[in-house]
Amino acid sequence: MAADTGNEDTGDGIEEVRELITRARVVLWDFDGPICRLFAGHPAHEVADGLVEWLEGRGLRGLLRESERESPDPHVVLHAVDRRHPGSDLLAELEERLTQEELKATSTAMPTAWADPLIRTLVARKLRLAITTNNSPQAATAYLASRGLTSCFAPHIYGRSRELCLLKPHPHCLNRALRAMGSAPDTALMIGDAPSDFEAAGEAGVPFLGYARNERKEKMLREAGATVVVNSLGTVLKAVREL
C-alpha cells in the first residue's frame, strides 16, 4: 500500500525537534503509528471482534466485561484475559491469534507519510535505530521487510511477549533496546504516538518526540505531558537534513 499522504510540516516546533535530534545517537521507534498504520486495511475493531467471538465460542463470554467486549482495541481483550488468567494456555493461544492477525494486517498497512525517507536519512547520518512496540515483533519484522527497511533496524526489534505486564507504559522494551545497543538513555530519543509511549520513555529516562496524525492524538499526547509533538514526520526529516 502506498504511503499515507501528508504535507511536510515545517512550522512551529522545528527548533525543539532539531535540539532533540542533535542530542540523539539512538532512535527508538514505536511501530504502529509513527512507522505505519498497521490496521489501515484490516481494521483493529474487526480483529478485536474476532478475539471476542473466539472466546465466546469457547464458552467464555462471561470472562469479559461489556466494555471489554465492545472495545475496538484488541489489546483491551488481551489484557482482560491476562488479568483474569495470567500465564495460562488460554492467554498464550489468544496472544498467538492476535499475532497472526497483526501479520495478516502487514500486507495492507499504510506507511506513515515521510517515515521511510526519515528512517533512511537517520541511518545515513549514522544514527542507530530500534523498534520498541506493543505489537508482535514478527509483525514489525514482516512489515519492515516489505518496505526494504530491515537493515535499518535489525536485529533491534523489541515487541510483545506473553509477559503482558511488561508492555508499554512499562519501559521494558525500551530498556532492552538501550542495553542491547549500549546506549545511555539521555543519548537516545523515542518517537511515539500514544501516552503509553511517552510514559515508557519517561520511566526509561529517554527524551520523547510525539507524532500525532490528528488533533485527537495530539490532545492525548499533550494531556499526558508531551511537550514536543509534530503533526508530520516531514518536520523531523527537515530538521535532520539541516544538521
Protein backbone atom coordinates (compact mmCIF):
# COMPACT_ATOMS: atom_id res chain seq x y z
CA MET A 1 0.00 0.00 0.00
CA ALA A 2 1.30 3.47 -0.86
CA ALA A 3 2.39 5.90 1.81
CA ASP A 4 -0.20 7.95 3.65
CA THR A 5 -0.39 11.39 2.10
CA GLY A 6 0.68 14.42 4.05
CA ASN A 7 2.38 17.76 3.67
CA GLU A 8 5.80 18.38 5.09
CA ASP A 9 5.10 20.31 8.28
CA THR A 10 7.87 22.84 8.69
CA GLY A 11 6.19 25.30 11.04
CA ASP A 12 6.29 25.77 14.80
CA GLY A 13 8.37 23.38 16.84
CA ILE A 14 11.19 22.63 14.40
CA GLU A 15 13.80 24.17 16.73
CA GLU A 16 12.71 21.85 19.55
CA VAL A 17 12.80 18.90 17.16
CA ARG A 18 16.26 19.86 15.94
CA GLU A 19 17.52 20.04 19.53
CA LEU A 20 16.20 16.54 20.30
CA ILE A 21 17.70 15.07 17.14
CA THR A 22 21.07 16.77 17.69
CA ARG A 23 21.50 15.08 21.08
CA ALA A 24 20.39 11.63 19.91
CA ARG A 25 22.66 8.78 18.89
CA VAL A 26 19.92 6.14 19.01
CA VAL A 27 16.29 6.49 17.95
CA LEU A 28 13.67 4.14 19.42
CA TRP A 29 10.55 3.93 17.25
CA ASP A 30 7.08 2.85 18.19
CA PHE A 31 5.75 0.79 15.28
CA ASP A 32 2.00 1.18 14.73
CA GLY A 33 1.56 4.92 14.24
CA PRO A 34 4.95 6.52 13.58
CA ILE A 35 6.08 3.92 11.03
CA CYS A 36 2.75 2.77 9.62
CA ARG A 37 -0.95 2.43 10.28
CA LEU A 38 -0.86 -1.31 10.81
CA PHE A 39 -4.61 -1.86 10.70
CA ALA A 40 -5.39 0.50 7.80
CA GLY A 41 -6.71 -2.31 5.60
CA HIS A 42 -7.52 -4.90 8.27
CA PRO A 43 -9.40 -2.86 10.88
CA ALA A 44 -8.45 -3.25 14.52
CA HIS A 45 -12.09 -3.35 15.60
CA GLU A 46 -12.65 -6.39 13.38
CA VAL A 47 -9.63 -8.07 14.98
CA ALA A 48 -10.97 -7.26 18.45
CA ASP A 49 -14.41 -8.61 17.50
CA GLY A 50 -12.77 -11.79 16.23
CA LEU A 51 -10.96 -12.34 19.51
CA VAL A 52 -14.19 -11.83 21.44
CA GLU A 53 -16.03 -14.27 19.17
CA TRP A 54 -13.28 -16.85 19.67
CA LEU A 55 -13.62 -16.57 23.45
CA GLU A 56 -17.39 -16.79 23.22
CA GLY A 57 -17.06 -19.90 21.04
CA ARG A 58 -15.18 -21.50 23.92
CA GLY A 59 -17.99 -20.66 26.34
CA LEU A 60 -16.05 -17.78 27.90
CA ARG A 61 -18.35 -14.85 27.19
CA GLY A 62 -18.58 -14.07 30.90
CA LEU A 63 -14.81 -13.64 31.08
CA LEU A 64 -15.12 -10.14 29.58
CA ARG A 65 -16.99 -7.11 30.84
CA GLU A 66 -19.36 -5.47 28.38
CA SER A 67 -16.95 -2.56 27.82
CA GLU A 68 -14.17 -5.05 27.02
CA ARG A 69 -16.37 -7.00 24.60
CA GLU A 70 -17.25 -3.78 22.78
CA SER A 71 -13.77 -2.24 22.70
CA PRO A 72 -12.31 -1.62 19.22
CA ASP A 73 -8.80 -2.30 20.58
CA PRO A 74 -7.67 -5.96 20.50
CA HIS A 75 -5.15 -5.22 23.24
CA VAL A 76 -8.05 -4.46 25.60
CA VAL A 77 -9.31 -8.03 25.09
CA LEU A 78 -5.81 -9.44 25.55
CA HIS A 79 -5.21 -7.51 28.78
CA ALA A 80 -8.62 -8.51 30.14
CA VAL A 81 -7.77 -12.19 29.80
CA ASP A 82 -4.29 -11.58 31.23
CA ARG A 83 -5.78 -10.01 34.37
CA ARG A 84 -8.04 -13.00 34.97
CA HIS A 85 -5.86 -15.87 33.70
CA PRO A 86 -2.22 -14.71 33.73
CA GLY A 87 0.27 -17.20 32.34
CA SER A 88 -2.49 -19.54 31.12
CA ASP A 89 -2.64 -21.63 27.95
CA LEU A 90 -5.77 -19.63 27.10
CA LEU A 91 -3.80 -16.39 27.19
CA ALA A 92 -0.99 -17.89 25.13
CA GLU A 93 -3.42 -19.03 22.44
CA LEU A 94 -5.20 -15.68 22.40
CA GLU A 95 -1.90 -13.82 22.05
CA GLU A 96 -0.91 -16.08 19.18
CA ARG A 97 -4.22 -15.38 17.45
CA LEU A 98 -3.56 -11.65 17.77
CA THR A 99 -0.06 -12.12 16.37
CA GLN A 100 -1.48 -13.91 13.33
CA GLU A 101 -3.99 -11.08 12.78
CA GLU A 102 -1.19 -8.50 13.01
CA LEU A 103 0.84 -10.46 10.48
CA LYS A 104 -2.18 -10.51 8.17
CA ALA A 105 -2.53 -6.74 8.61
CA THR A 106 1.03 -6.03 7.45
CA SER A 107 0.09 -6.69 3.82
CA THR A 108 -2.39 -3.78 3.83
CA ALA A 109 -0.66 -1.48 6.33
CA MET A 110 -0.41 2.18 5.32
CA PRO A 111 3.11 3.64 5.55
CA THR A 112 3.18 6.84 7.58
CA ALA A 113 3.99 9.85 5.41
CA TRP A 114 7.73 10.68 5.47
CA ALA A 115 8.57 7.68 7.68
CA ASP A 116 10.56 5.72 5.08
CA PRO A 117 12.79 8.63 3.97
CA LEU A 118 13.26 9.73 7.58
CA ILE A 119 14.38 6.25 8.60
CA ARG A 120 16.85 6.06 5.71
CA THR A 121 18.16 9.57 6.37
CA LEU A 122 18.74 8.84 10.05
CA VAL A 123 20.71 5.73 9.13
CA ALA A 124 22.70 7.70 6.55
CA ARG A 125 23.55 10.17 9.34
CA LYS A 126 24.93 7.24 11.39
CA LEU A 127 22.16 7.12 13.97
CA ARG A 128 21.16 3.64 15.14
CA LEU A 129 17.51 2.63 15.18
CA ALA A 130 15.35 0.19 17.13
CA ILE A 131 11.68 -0.78 17.21
CA THR A 132 10.05 -0.71 20.66
CA THR A 133 6.43 -1.75 20.28
CA ASN A 134 3.47 -3.44 21.94
CA ASN A 135 2.78 -5.23 18.66
CA SER A 136 4.25 -8.58 17.76
CA PRO A 137 7.93 -8.35 16.77
CA GLN A 138 7.05 -10.78 13.96
CA ALA A 139 4.61 -8.26 12.51
CA ALA A 140 7.13 -5.43 12.74
CA THR A 141 9.78 -7.61 11.09
CA ALA A 142 7.42 -8.60 8.27
CA TYR A 143 6.39 -5.01 7.59
CA LEU A 144 9.97 -3.72 7.54
CA ALA A 145 10.93 -6.47 5.09
CA SER A 146 8.06 -5.46 2.79
CA ARG A 147 9.43 -1.88 2.69
CA GLY A 148 13.10 -2.85 2.31
CA LEU A 149 13.88 -1.39 5.74
CA THR A 150 15.06 -4.49 7.59
CA SER A 151 18.72 -3.50 7.59
CA CYS A 152 17.84 -0.13 9.15
CA PHE A 153 16.67 -1.81 12.35
CA ALA A 154 17.77 -5.45 12.56
CA PRO A 155 18.41 -7.02 14.96
CA HIS A 156 16.95 -4.38 17.27
CA ILE A 157 13.23 -5.16 17.13
CA TYR A 158 11.64 -5.43 20.57
CA GLY A 159 7.96 -6.22 20.76
CA ARG A 160 5.23 -8.02 22.65
CA SER A 161 5.95 -11.19 24.55
CA ARG A 162 3.47 -13.20 26.61
CA GLU A 163 4.53 -11.27 29.70
CA LEU A 164 1.88 -8.64 29.06
CA CYS A 165 2.65 -6.78 32.27
CA LEU A 166 5.87 -5.65 30.54
CA LEU A 167 4.12 -3.87 27.67
CA LYS A 168 4.30 -0.09 27.49
CA PRO A 169 3.79 2.05 29.54
CA HIS A 170 6.26 -0.28 31.26
CA PRO A 171 9.74 0.68 29.96
CA HIS A 172 10.85 -2.95 29.47
CA CYS A 173 11.19 -2.91 25.67
CA LEU A 174 12.97 0.46 25.75
CA ASN A 175 15.39 -0.77 28.37
CA ARG A 176 16.05 -3.92 26.35
CA ALA A 177 16.91 -1.79 23.33
CA LEU A 178 19.16 0.54 25.31
CA ARG A 179 21.08 -2.35 26.88
CA ALA A 180 21.50 -4.19 23.58
CA MET A 181 22.71 -1.06 21.80
CA GLY A 182 24.95 0.09 24.64
CA SER A 183 23.18 3.44 24.77
CA ALA A 184 22.68 5.75 27.73
CA PRO A 185 19.06 6.93 28.00
CA ASP A 186 19.97 10.58 27.52
CA THR A 187 21.65 9.85 24.18
CA ALA A 188 18.51 8.15 22.84
CA LEU A 189 15.22 9.52 21.51
CA MET A 190 11.80 7.85 21.50
CA ILE A 191 9.33 8.58 18.67
CA GLY A 192 5.81 7.55 19.66
CA ASP A 193 2.18 8.45 19.13
CA ALA A 194 0.50 7.34 22.36
CA PRO A 195 0.56 8.34 26.03
CA SER A 196 1.92 4.86 26.83
CA ASP A 197 4.97 5.64 24.64
CA PHE A 198 5.51 8.93 26.48
CA GLU A 199 5.16 7.27 29.89
CA ALA A 200 7.54 4.44 28.98
CA ALA A 201 10.12 6.93 27.69
CA GLY A 202 9.84 8.92 30.90
CA GLU A 203 10.34 5.80 33.03
CA ALA A 204 13.39 4.84 30.96
CA GLY A 205 14.82 8.38 31.10
CA VAL A 206 14.66 8.76 27.31
CA PRO A 207 13.72 12.10 25.66
CA PHE A 208 10.42 11.90 23.75
CA LEU A 209 9.20 13.20 20.41
CA GLY A 210 5.47 12.82 19.84
CA TYR A 211 3.92 12.15 16.45
CA ALA A 212 0.20 12.94 16.14
CA ARG A 213 -1.57 12.37 12.84
CA ASN A 214 -4.73 14.11 14.03
CA GLU A 215 -5.99 16.52 16.70
CA ARG A 216 -7.28 13.71 18.92
CA LYS A 217 -3.84 12.09 19.05
CA GLU A 218 -2.15 15.41 19.74
CA LYS A 219 -4.59 16.22 22.55
CA MET A 220 -3.92 12.84 24.19
CA LEU A 221 -0.15 13.28 23.98
CA ARG A 222 -0.17 16.82 25.33
CA GLU A 223 -2.53 15.92 28.16
CA ALA A 224 -0.12 13.12 29.09
CA GLY A 225 2.67 15.71 29.34
CA ALA A 226 4.43 15.56 25.97
CA THR A 227 5.83 18.98 25.07
CA VAL A 228 7.33 18.35 21.62
CA VAL A 229 4.70 16.98 19.23
CA VAL A 230 4.71 17.10 15.41
CA ASN A 231 1.81 16.51 13.07
CA SER A 232 4.08 15.32 10.27
CA LEU A 233 7.35 13.44 10.22
CA GLY A 234 8.28 15.87 7.45
CA THR A 235 9.20 18.30 10.23
CA VAL A 236 11.63 15.77 11.67
CA LEU A 237 13.07 14.96 8.25
CA LYS A 238 13.68 18.64 7.58
CA ALA A 239 15.41 19.02 10.95
CA VAL A 240 17.67 16.02 10.26
CA ARG A 241 18.57 17.24 6.78
CA GLU A 242 19.58 20.63 8.21
CA LEU A 243 22.02 19.20 10.75
